[in-house]
């Protein structure tokens, strides 16, 4: 066992839309400009907040999800990725105490306590003053073991408004207010759709808005106090971390695994790609919008994203869709999640129009105005498939507005859903030849079997191609 100091702070709110992502992005951008070595983390499974935090910090942001990966793995991931940095910023999700049940299990508060990290609450005080103190006092009372180290007031209407709220909070709770952010113009608000933000790849003014938020933090927040609070976080002990590694070396010979990466497909956890690389894969980013060459791949990974908002661009690249279908017929291993599943369909109906897709799978999809699946998932592999052994437990999450409304009755599936929605009738994991498509997003640290499956089938496919060349030669 060893003990080491990891300067760190959790940025949380008492509800959604408190401004915690705005503060986290602005703070990371500020610390980056100061030349500090920084690391960013996002509590929960969210891809888009992480993408904004990554852009602000200049480094990949890691998701810490205790429900998916468990408390020990989440802690090890934090320590591994925070080890060489001067400060770590951890953005929470939802309200501070909101978790999987009424006890707040897997909440931001639980993560903060596990990491022994001080918490900075971003409090939206629109149309309230003294009531803000009641919210902070309640937070102290509900969990006295939580180290609430400071408050940032957001949506401050004016000098008097901020002064009254600040005095009430500090006198009633003893917690210092270390920032007061005024009501900001719309141009300062991170763009959103559905239940969250849009991706940075889809927003042309991303650099400007991050610079604006950096200035907001610099002008209205006591950043030196935040750095001091983070620096005073107690040391963390972990007897296993010195030996911890998520590297799994499976193949002596490298395989080439492509993955779609463009404005339509961007939902990839850094650990998923890193684990594939460490296990023996050469990763090849491919644009489904601009590229069409799949010739030298041993497998293809299609993550999630927003293909529905890029349908015109995607369908204009018919050559890619036709090529993908042919390679799938020839046995190319393809693993697709959510948006990737959509791309493999025959067609999609969106905003009253029908778009023809790749047709790899005999399914038709319709986009809806409300989520058709949203939350954590648990599934058991109960049928043969290219990537997972029978009996494997998969934990992940789903968030999709699309729904399969028509499918071939002969289409095989391999996942039984015990929590979540999946594709249809509590089933998921659509399989065809070496194709596996699912609405479930997985994290490599939560489902290490995925890495083994990807590398194994890619290696088998590579050997098959070599054998075919020898026979034909």
Protein backbone atom coordinates (compact mmCIF):
# COMPACT_ATOMS: atom_id res chain seq x y z
CA UNK A 1 0.00 0.00 0.00
CA UNK A 2 1.19 3.50 -0.77
CA UNK A 3 -0.09 7.00 -0.16
CA UNK A 4 0.17 9.97 -2.47
CA UNK A 5 -1.34 13.40 -2.83
CA UNK A 6 -3.49 13.98 -5.90
CA UNK A 7 -4.71 17.60 -5.94
CA UNK A 8 -8.37 17.27 -6.97
CA UNK A 9 -11.80 18.79 -6.70
CA UNK A 10 -15.30 17.72 -7.69
CA UNK A 11 -17.51 20.27 -9.46
CA UNK A 12 -21.15 19.46 -8.79
CA UNK A 13 -24.60 21.00 -8.73
CA UNK A 14 -27.81 20.36 -6.85
CA UNK A 15 -29.75 19.80 -10.07
CA UNK A 16 -29.29 19.60 -13.79
CA UNK A 17 -28.66 22.91 -15.54
CA UNK A 18 -26.87 24.32 -12.51
CA UNK A 19 -23.95 25.40 -14.68
CA UNK A 20 -21.45 22.77 -13.54
CA UNK A 21 -20.35 21.87 -17.09
CA UNK A 22 -19.91 25.54 -17.94
CA UNK A 23 -17.78 26.05 -14.82
CA UNK A 24 -15.80 22.84 -15.39
CA UNK A 25 -15.02 23.74 -19.01
CA UNK A 26 -14.11 27.32 -18.15
CA UNK A 27 -11.94 26.23 -15.25
CA UNK A 28 -10.08 23.62 -17.31
CA UNK A 29 -9.51 26.17 -20.08
CA UNK A 30 -8.21 28.66 -17.50
CA UNK A 31 -5.84 26.14 -15.88
CA UNK A 32 -4.63 25.05 -19.32
CA UNK A 33 -3.77 28.63 -20.25
CA UNK A 34 -1.91 28.99 -16.95
CA UNK A 35 0.34 26.17 -18.13
CA UNK A 36 -0.63 23.70 -15.43
CA UNK A 37 -0.56 19.95 -16.00
CA UNK A 38 -4.23 19.06 -15.68
CA UNK A 39 -6.53 16.09 -15.97
CA UNK A 40 -10.28 16.07 -16.35
CA UNK A 41 -12.83 13.45 -15.35
CA UNK A 42 -16.58 13.07 -15.82
CA UNK A 43 -18.74 11.16 -13.38
CA UNK A 44 -21.13 8.79 -15.16
CA UNK A 45 -21.29 7.47 -18.72
CA UNK A 46 -21.84 10.72 -20.64
CA UNK A 47 -19.84 11.10 -23.86
CA UNK A 48 -20.71 14.67 -24.81
CA UNK A 49 -19.83 16.47 -21.58
CA UNK A 50 -16.55 14.54 -21.67
CA UNK A 51 -15.89 15.73 -25.22
CA UNK A 52 -16.32 19.38 -24.18
CA UNK A 53 -14.11 18.86 -21.12
CA UNK A 54 -11.48 17.20 -23.32
CA UNK A 55 -11.52 20.12 -25.73
CA UNK A 56 -11.21 22.59 -22.86
CA UNK A 57 -8.31 20.77 -21.21
CA UNK A 58 -6.51 19.57 -24.32
CA UNK A 59 -6.38 16.01 -22.99
CA UNK A 60 -8.67 12.96 -23.07
CA UNK A 61 -11.19 13.06 -20.23
CA UNK A 62 -11.94 9.82 -18.38
CA UNK A 63 -15.40 8.72 -17.27
CA UNK A 64 -15.61 7.50 -13.69
CA UNK A 65 -18.74 5.37 -13.44
CA UNK A 66 -19.00 3.34 -10.26
CA UNK A 67 -22.18 1.59 -11.43
CA UNK A 68 -20.55 0.25 -14.57
CA UNK A 69 -17.00 -0.45 -13.44
CA UNK A 70 -17.35 -0.67 -9.66
CA UNK A 71 -15.76 1.54 -7.00
CA UNK A 72 -12.29 -0.13 -6.99
CA UNK A 73 -11.82 0.12 -10.76
CA UNK A 74 -13.09 3.71 -10.84
CA UNK A 75 -10.61 4.62 -8.11
CA UNK A 76 -7.75 2.91 -9.92
CA UNK A 77 -8.65 4.67 -13.16
CA UNK A 78 -8.57 8.02 -11.38
CA UNK A 79 -5.22 7.37 -9.73
CA UNK A 80 -3.64 6.07 -12.92
CA UNK A 81 -4.72 9.08 -14.97
CA UNK A 82 -4.20 11.74 -12.29
CA UNK A 83 -0.78 10.56 -11.16
CA UNK A 84 1.39 12.95 -13.17
CA UNK A 85 -0.82 16.05 -13.02
CA UNK A 86 -0.84 19.14 -10.82
CA UNK A 87 -4.63 19.21 -10.46
CA UNK A 88 -7.64 17.09 -11.44
CA UNK A 89 -11.10 18.49 -12.13
CA UNK A 90 -13.93 15.97 -11.74
CA UNK A 91 -17.32 17.04 -13.05
CA UNK A 92 -20.31 15.36 -11.44
CA UNK A 93 -23.59 14.49 -13.08
CA UNK A 94 -27.21 15.24 -12.20
CA UNK A 95 -27.69 16.49 -8.66
CA UNK A 96 -24.96 15.92 -6.09
CA UNK A 97 -26.84 13.19 -4.22
CA UNK A 98 -28.75 11.63 -7.12
CA UNK A 99 -27.83 7.99 -7.71
CA UNK A 100 -29.30 4.61 -8.51
CA UNK A 101 -31.71 4.58 -5.57
CA UNK A 102 -33.14 6.70 -2.74
CA UNK A 103 -29.90 6.23 -0.80
CA UNK A 104 -27.88 7.93 -3.54
CA UNK A 105 -25.84 4.85 -4.39
CA UNK A 106 -23.39 5.64 -7.22
CA UNK A 107 -24.07 9.37 -6.86
CA UNK A 108 -21.52 12.14 -7.33
CA UNK A 109 -21.37 12.45 -3.54
CA UNK A 110 -20.44 8.77 -3.23
CA UNK A 111 -17.71 9.17 -5.84
CA UNK A 112 -16.34 12.24 -4.06
CA UNK A 113 -16.16 10.38 -0.75
CA UNK A 114 -14.45 7.40 -2.35
CA UNK A 115 -11.84 9.74 -3.83
CA UNK A 116 -11.67 11.83 -0.63
CA UNK A 117 -12.19 14.82 -2.87
CA UNK A 118 -13.49 18.23 -1.78
CA UNK A 119 -16.70 19.31 -3.49
CA UNK A 120 -17.43 22.66 -5.07
CA UNK A 121 -21.17 23.26 -5.53
CA UNK A 122 -22.34 25.37 -8.47
CA UNK A 123 -25.60 26.90 -7.26
CA UNK A 124 -28.07 28.45 -9.70
CA UNK A 125 -29.58 31.32 -7.69
CA UNK A 126 -31.97 32.60 -10.34
CA UNK A 127 -34.89 34.22 -8.40
CA UNK A 128 -33.62 33.08 -4.96
CA UNK A 129 -31.35 34.49 -2.24
CA UNK A 130 -31.62 33.05 1.30
CA UNK A 131 -33.19 29.89 -0.08
CA UNK A 132 -29.83 29.10 -1.66
CA UNK A 133 -28.40 28.84 1.87
CA UNK A 134 -31.13 26.35 2.78
CA UNK A 135 -30.07 24.16 -0.16
CA UNK A 136 -26.42 24.22 0.90
CA UNK A 137 -27.32 23.60 4.56
CA UNK A 138 -29.45 20.64 3.51
CA UNK A 139 -26.52 19.25 1.56
CA UNK A 140 -24.35 19.44 4.67
CA UNK A 141 -27.00 17.79 6.83
CA UNK A 142 -27.83 14.97 4.43
CA UNK A 143 -24.24 13.73 4.40
CA UNK A 144 -21.93 15.18 7.08
CA UNK A 145 -19.06 13.00 5.81
CA UNK A 146 -18.99 14.86 2.50
CA UNK A 147 -16.41 17.64 2.27
CA UNK A 148 -18.29 20.57 0.75
CA UNK A 149 -15.48 23.09 0.44
CA UNK A 150 -17.00 25.96 -1.49
CA UNK A 151 -19.86 27.38 -3.52
CA UNK A 152 -20.00 29.20 -6.84
CA UNK A 153 -23.15 31.23 -7.41
CA UNK A 154 -24.47 31.16 -10.96
CA UNK A 155 -27.05 33.37 -12.70
CA UNK A 156 -26.45 36.30 -10.38
CA UNK A 157 -28.81 39.12 -11.43
CA UNK A 158 -26.78 41.96 -9.97
CA UNK A 159 -24.50 43.13 -7.18
CA UNK A 160 -27.19 43.23 -4.48
CA UNK A 161 -28.59 39.82 -5.49
CA UNK A 162 -25.18 38.20 -5.20
CA UNK A 163 -24.30 40.00 -1.98
CA UNK A 164 -27.47 38.88 -0.17
CA UNK A 165 -27.18 35.25 -1.32
CA UNK A 166 -23.48 35.13 -0.47
CA UNK A 167 -23.95 36.54 3.02
CA UNK A 168 -26.82 34.12 3.74
CA UNK A 169 -24.82 31.08 2.62
CA UNK A 170 -21.66 31.99 4.49
CA UNK A 171 -23.40 33.01 7.73
CA UNK A 172 -25.81 30.06 7.84
CA UNK A 173 -23.55 27.27 6.57
CA UNK A 174 -19.98 28.48 7.10
CA UNK A 175 -19.15 27.42 3.54
CA UNK A 176 -17.27 30.09 1.57
CA UNK A 177 -18.66 31.48 -1.67
CA UNK A 178 -15.67 31.64 -4.00
CA UNK A 179 -17.33 32.85 -7.17
CA UNK A 180 -20.35 34.79 -8.43
CA UNK A 181 -21.10 34.36 -12.13
CA UNK A 182 -23.54 36.87 -13.63
CA UNK A 183 -26.35 36.00 -16.00
CA UNK A 184 -24.62 35.38 -19.29
CA UNK A 185 -25.81 36.06 -22.84
CA UNK A 186 -26.99 33.11 -24.95
CA UNK A 187 -23.72 33.12 -26.87
CA UNK A 188 -21.98 31.88 -23.69
CA UNK A 189 -24.30 28.89 -23.27
CA UNK A 190 -23.01 25.52 -24.43
CA UNK A 191 -25.32 24.35 -27.26
CA UNK A 192 -27.75 21.55 -26.50
CA UNK A 193 -30.27 19.14 -27.97
CA UNK A 194 -32.39 16.32 -26.55
CA UNK A 195 -31.39 15.90 -22.89
CA UNK A 196 -27.87 17.29 -23.17
CA UNK A 197 -25.24 19.16 -25.12
CA UNK A 198 -24.40 18.78 -28.79
CA UNK A 199 -20.93 17.51 -29.61
CA UNK A 200 -18.04 19.93 -30.17
CA UNK A 201 -17.55 18.45 -33.65
CA UNK A 202 -20.97 19.81 -34.63
CA UNK A 203 -20.41 23.33 -33.29
CA UNK A 204 -18.35 25.77 -35.35
CA UNK A 205 -17.90 28.33 -32.55
CA UNK A 206 -16.49 25.83 -30.04
CA UNK A 207 -13.14 27.56 -29.60
CA UNK A 208 -14.77 30.95 -29.08
CA UNK A 209 -17.27 29.73 -26.50
CA UNK A 210 -14.52 28.00 -24.49
CA UNK A 211 -12.44 31.15 -24.55
CA UNK A 212 -15.47 33.14 -23.39
CA UNK A 213 -16.02 30.70 -20.51
CA UNK A 214 -12.33 30.87 -19.58
CA UNK A 215 -12.66 34.63 -19.25
CA UNK A 216 -15.82 34.26 -17.15
CA UNK A 217 -14.00 32.01 -14.68
CA UNK A 218 -10.96 34.29 -14.61
CA UNK A 219 -13.07 37.38 -13.91
CA UNK A 220 -15.73 36.04 -11.54
CA UNK A 221 -14.21 33.08 -9.66
CA UNK A 222 -11.41 32.91 -7.10
CA UNK A 223 -9.31 30.41 -9.04
CA UNK A 224 -6.42 30.56 -6.56
CA UNK A 225 -8.83 29.40 -3.87
CA UNK A 226 -9.92 26.45 -6.02
CA UNK A 227 -6.30 25.45 -6.57
CA UNK A 228 -5.70 25.75 -2.81
CA UNK A 229 -8.74 23.61 -1.96
CA UNK A 230 -7.71 20.96 -4.48
CA UNK A 231 -4.16 20.98 -3.14
CA UNK A 232 -5.39 20.38 0.40
CA UNK A 233 -7.24 17.18 -0.54
CA UNK A 234 -6.01 14.30 1.64
CA UNK A 235 -3.68 11.65 0.29
CA UNK A 236 -5.17 8.61 -1.40
CA UNK A 237 -4.12 5.10 -0.51
CA UNK A 238 -4.43 2.12 -2.81
CA UNK A 239 -2.50 -1.07 -2.30
CA UNK A 240 -3.25 -2.39 -5.80
CA UNK A 241 -2.71 0.66 -7.96
CA UNK A 242 1.05 0.21 -8.40
CA UNK A 243 0.37 -3.01 -10.25
CA UNK A 244 -2.77 -1.77 -11.98
CA UNK A 245 -2.87 -1.87 -15.76
CA UNK A 246 -5.71 -2.18 -18.24
CA UNK A 247 -3.31 -3.42 -20.91
CA UNK A 248 -4.19 -6.87 -22.20
CA UNK A 249 -1.65 -8.24 -24.66
CA UNK A 250 -3.45 -10.84 -26.74
CA UNK A 251 -1.87 -10.86 -30.18
CA UNK A 252 1.80 -11.09 -31.09
CA UNK A 253 0.92 -9.91 -34.59
CA UNK A 254 -0.90 -6.62 -34.83
CA UNK A 255 -4.37 -6.52 -36.32
CA UNK A 256 -5.84 -3.50 -38.06
CA UNK A 257 -9.08 -2.31 -36.52
CA UNK A 258 -10.86 0.62 -38.11
CA UNK A 259 -13.33 2.85 -36.34
CA UNK A 260 -15.66 5.49 -37.70
CA UNK A 261 -14.62 8.93 -36.43
CA UNK A 262 -16.27 12.05 -37.77
CA UNK A 263 -19.11 14.42 -36.91
CA UNK A 264 -21.64 11.56 -37.21
CA UNK A 265 -19.77 9.03 -35.05
CA UNK A 266 -17.76 10.26 -32.08
CA UNK A 267 -18.85 8.28 -29.00
CA UNK A 268 -15.76 6.36 -27.96
CA UNK A 269 -14.37 6.06 -24.45
CA UNK A 270 -10.58 6.63 -24.55
CA UNK A 271 -10.09 3.38 -22.62
CA UNK A 272 -11.90 1.39 -25.32
CA UNK A 273 -9.51 2.53 -28.02
CA UNK A 274 -6.47 2.37 -25.74
CA UNK A 275 -7.33 -1.17 -24.64
CA UNK A 276 -7.61 -2.33 -28.25
CA UNK A 277 -4.25 -0.75 -29.05
CA UNK A 278 -2.59 -2.27 -25.98
CA UNK A 279 -3.99 -5.69 -26.85
CA UNK A 280 -2.42 -5.72 -30.29
CA UNK A 281 -4.46 -3.51 -32.62
CA UNK A 282 -3.39 -0.78 -34.97
CA UNK A 283 -6.30 1.65 -34.88
CA UNK A 284 -7.36 3.33 -38.10
CA UNK A 285 -9.82 6.26 -37.91
CA UNK A 286 -12.21 6.33 -40.87
CA UNK A 287 -14.81 8.90 -41.87
CA UNK A 288 -18.13 7.39 -42.92
CA UNK A 289 -18.80 10.69 -44.67
CA UNK A 290 -15.60 11.13 -46.66
CA UNK A 291 -13.86 7.71 -46.91
CA UNK A 292 -14.77 4.40 -48.53
CA UNK A 293 -11.70 2.17 -48.16
CA UNK A 294 -12.15 -0.82 -45.86
CA UNK A 295 -9.81 -3.07 -47.80
CA UNK A 296 -7.05 -3.73 -45.26
CA UNK A 297 -9.13 -3.95 -42.10
CA UNK A 298 -9.30 -6.98 -39.85
CA UNK A 299 -12.30 -5.59 -37.95
CA UNK A 300 -14.44 -2.46 -37.77
CA UNK A 301 -15.78 -0.67 -34.68
CA UNK A 302 -18.69 1.73 -35.21
CA UNK A 303 -19.46 3.72 -32.08
CA UNK A 304 -22.41 5.94 -31.35
CA UNK A 305 -23.06 9.52 -32.27
CA UNK A 306 -25.68 11.40 -34.21
CA UNK A 307 -26.01 9.78 -37.64
CA UNK A 308 -29.58 11.10 -37.85
CA UNK A 309 -28.42 14.72 -38.02
CA UNK A 310 -25.86 13.82 -40.69
CA UNK A 311 -28.03 11.61 -42.89
CA UNK A 312 -27.62 13.71 -46.02
CA UNK A 313 -23.82 13.60 -45.80
CA UNK A 314 -23.75 9.91 -44.88
CA UNK A 315 -26.11 8.79 -47.64
CA UNK A 316 -24.26 10.84 -50.25
CA UNK A 317 -21.32 8.53 -49.60
CA UNK A 318 -23.13 5.54 -51.07
CA UNK A 319 -19.84 3.93 -51.98
CA UNK A 320 -18.98 3.48 -48.30
CA UNK A 321 -22.35 1.93 -47.50
CA UNK A 322 -22.17 -0.49 -50.41
CA UNK A 323 -18.58 -1.39 -49.57
CA UNK A 324 -19.47 -2.03 -45.94
CA UNK A 325 -22.33 -4.32 -46.89
CA UNK A 326 -20.09 -6.34 -49.17
CA UNK A 327 -17.36 -6.66 -46.56
CA UNK A 328 -19.95 -7.75 -44.00
CA UNK A 329 -21.12 -10.44 -46.42
CA UNK A 330 -17.52 -11.54 -46.81
CA UNK A 331 -17.11 -11.94 -43.05
CA UNK A 332 -15.48 -8.71 -41.86
CA UNK A 333 -15.99 -8.52 -38.08
CA UNK A 334 -18.11 -5.44 -37.28
CA UNK A 335 -19.05 -4.26 -33.79
CA UNK A 336 -21.66 -1.47 -33.77
CA UNK A 337 -23.17 0.52 -30.90
CA UNK A 338 -26.35 2.62 -31.06
CA UNK A 339 -25.59 5.09 -33.86
CA UNK A 340 -23.51 2.34 -35.44
CA UNK A 341 -26.51 0.03 -35.28
CA UNK A 342 -28.55 2.69 -37.11
CA UNK A 343 -25.95 2.88 -39.88
CA UNK A 344 -26.24 -0.89 -40.43
CA UNK A 345 -30.02 -0.73 -40.95
CA UNK A 346 -31.81 -0.86 -44.30
CA UNK A 347 -33.47 2.50 -43.81
CA UNK A 348 -34.40 5.13 -41.26
CA UNK A 349 -37.40 7.42 -41.03
CA UNK A 350 -36.61 10.86 -39.65
CA UNK A 351 -38.60 14.08 -39.74
CA UNK A 352 -41.06 12.65 -42.25
CA UNK A 353 -38.37 11.46 -44.68
CA UNK A 354 -36.97 8.01 -45.39
CA UNK A 355 -33.24 7.49 -45.94
CA UNK A 356 -31.69 4.35 -47.37
CA UNK A 357 -28.77 3.11 -45.27
CA UNK A 358 -26.16 0.36 -45.65
CA UNK A 359 -28.57 -2.57 -45.36
CA UNK A 360 -26.13 -4.80 -43.53
CA UNK A 361 -28.94 -5.82 -41.16
CA UNK A 362 -32.57 -6.49 -42.19
CA UNK A 363 -34.03 -3.82 -39.91
CA UNK A 364 -35.88 -0.54 -40.35
CA UNK A 365 -35.66 2.27 -37.85
CA UNK A 366 -37.72 5.32 -36.95
CA UNK A 367 -36.60 8.37 -34.97
CA UNK A 368 -38.99 9.57 -32.26
CA UNK A 369 -39.40 12.83 -30.37
CA UNK A 370 -38.90 11.18 -26.98
CA UNK A 371 -36.22 8.75 -25.76
CA UNK A 372 -36.97 5.12 -26.55
CA UNK A 373 -34.24 3.93 -24.22
CA UNK A 374 -32.39 5.94 -21.57
CA UNK A 375 -30.32 4.68 -18.67
CA UNK A 376 -28.13 1.85 -17.49
CA UNK A 377 -28.43 -1.61 -19.00
CA UNK A 378 -27.61 -5.11 -17.90
CA UNK A 379 -27.69 -8.04 -20.29
CA UNK A 380 -26.61 -11.67 -20.41
CA UNK A 381 -25.19 -13.35 -23.49
CA UNK A 382 -27.41 -16.36 -24.11
CA UNK A 383 -26.82 -17.18 -27.80
CA UNK A 384 -23.84 -17.76 -30.06
CA UNK A 385 -22.31 -14.58 -31.49
CA UNK A 386 -18.97 -13.43 -32.92
CA UNK A 387 -17.67 -11.45 -29.93
CA UNK A 388 -18.84 -12.77 -26.54
CA UNK A 389 -18.93 -16.15 -24.86
CA UNK A 390 -22.26 -17.44 -23.59
CA UNK A 391 -22.94 -16.45 -20.00
CA UNK A 392 -21.04 -13.14 -20.21
CA UNK A 393 -22.67 -10.36 -18.18
CA UNK A 394 -22.64 -7.00 -19.95
CA UNK A 395 -23.21 -3.72 -18.12
CA UNK A 396 -23.54 -0.55 -20.15
CA UNK A 397 -25.91 2.29 -20.88
CA UNK A 398 -28.31 3.29 -23.65
CA UNK A 399 -29.66 6.62 -24.81
CA UNK A 400 -31.53 6.55 -28.09
CA UNK A 401 -34.47 8.26 -29.72
CA UNK A 402 -34.58 5.62 -32.43
CA UNK A 403 -36.56 2.40 -32.41
CA UNK A 404 -36.57 -0.66 -34.65
CA UNK A 405 -40.09 -0.91 -36.06
CA UNK A 406 -39.49 -3.72 -38.54
CA UNK A 407 -37.06 -6.62 -38.63
CA UNK A 408 -36.65 -9.95 -40.34
CA UNK A 409 -38.02 -12.71 -38.14
CA UNK A 410 -34.95 -14.81 -38.89
CA UNK A 411 -32.57 -12.15 -37.56
CA UNK A 412 -30.56 -13.63 -34.71
CA UNK A 413 -29.94 -11.90 -31.39
CA UNK A 414 -27.75 -12.88 -28.48
CA UNK A 415 -28.50 -10.65 -25.48
CA UNK A 416 -31.23 -11.02 -22.88
CA UNK A 417 -31.93 -7.65 -21.26
CA UNK A 418 -32.55 -7.70 -17.51
CA UNK A 419 -32.31 -3.90 -17.14
CA UNK A 420 -32.98 -1.46 -19.94
CA UNK A 421 -34.85 -1.57 -23.25
CA UNK A 422 -32.54 -2.89 -25.96
CA UNK A 423 -33.67 -3.49 -29.53
CA UNK A 424 -37.06 -5.14 -29.05
CA UNK A 425 -38.86 -7.49 -26.64
CA UNK A 426 -36.05 -7.19 -24.05
CA UNK A 427 -33.61 -8.53 -26.62
CA UNK A 428 -30.45 -6.99 -28.04
CA UNK A 429 -27.18 -7.96 -29.68
CA UNK A 430 -28.28 -8.41 -33.29
CA UNK A 431 -25.97 -10.82 -35.11
CA UNK A 432 -25.35 -11.63 -38.75
CA UNK A 433 -22.24 -13.51 -39.84
CA UNK A 434 -19.44 -11.61 -38.02
CA UNK A 435 -21.60 -8.56 -37.29
CA UNK A 436 -22.77 -7.64 -33.79
CA UNK A 437 -25.00 -4.59 -33.29
CA UNK A 438 -26.43 -3.29 -30.04
CA UNK A 439 -28.07 -0.25 -28.49
CA UNK A 440 -25.82 -0.76 -25.45
CA UNK A 441 -22.68 1.37 -25.07
CA UNK A 442 -20.01 -0.57 -23.19
CA UNK A 443 -16.91 0.60 -21.36
CA UNK A 444 -13.76 -1.53 -21.65
CA UNK A 445 -13.01 -1.23 -17.92
CA UNK A 446 -16.52 -2.50 -17.13
CA UNK A 447 -16.65 -5.21 -19.81
CA UNK A 448 -13.08 -6.40 -20.47
CA UNK A 449 -14.49 -9.39 -22.38
CA UNK A 450 -15.23 -6.96 -25.22
CA UNK A 451 -11.53 -6.31 -25.86
CA UNK A 452 -10.74 -10.01 -25.95
CA UNK A 453 -13.60 -10.63 -28.34
CA UNK A 454 -12.58 -7.82 -30.69
CA UNK A 455 -8.92 -8.81 -30.84
CA UNK A 456 -9.62 -12.54 -31.14
CA UNK A 457 -12.04 -12.29 -34.03
CA UNK A 458 -9.87 -9.70 -35.79
CA UNK A 459 -6.92 -12.09 -35.54
CA UNK A 460 -8.98 -14.99 -36.84
CA UNK A 461 -10.21 -12.92 -39.78
CA UNK A 462 -6.65 -11.84 -40.58
CA UNK A 463 -5.49 -15.45 -40.63
CA UNK A 464 -8.44 -16.41 -42.80
CA UNK A 465 -7.48 -13.74 -45.34
CA UNK A 466 -3.89 -15.02 -45.38
CA UNK A 467 -5.05 -18.58 -45.91
CA UNK A 468 -7.33 -17.50 -48.72
CA UNK A 469 -4.47 -15.66 -50.43
CA UNK A 470 -2.24 -18.75 -50.19
CA UNK A 471 -4.94 -21.01 -51.61
CA UNK A 472 -5.80 -18.65 -54.43
CA UNK A 473 -2.13 -17.99 -55.11
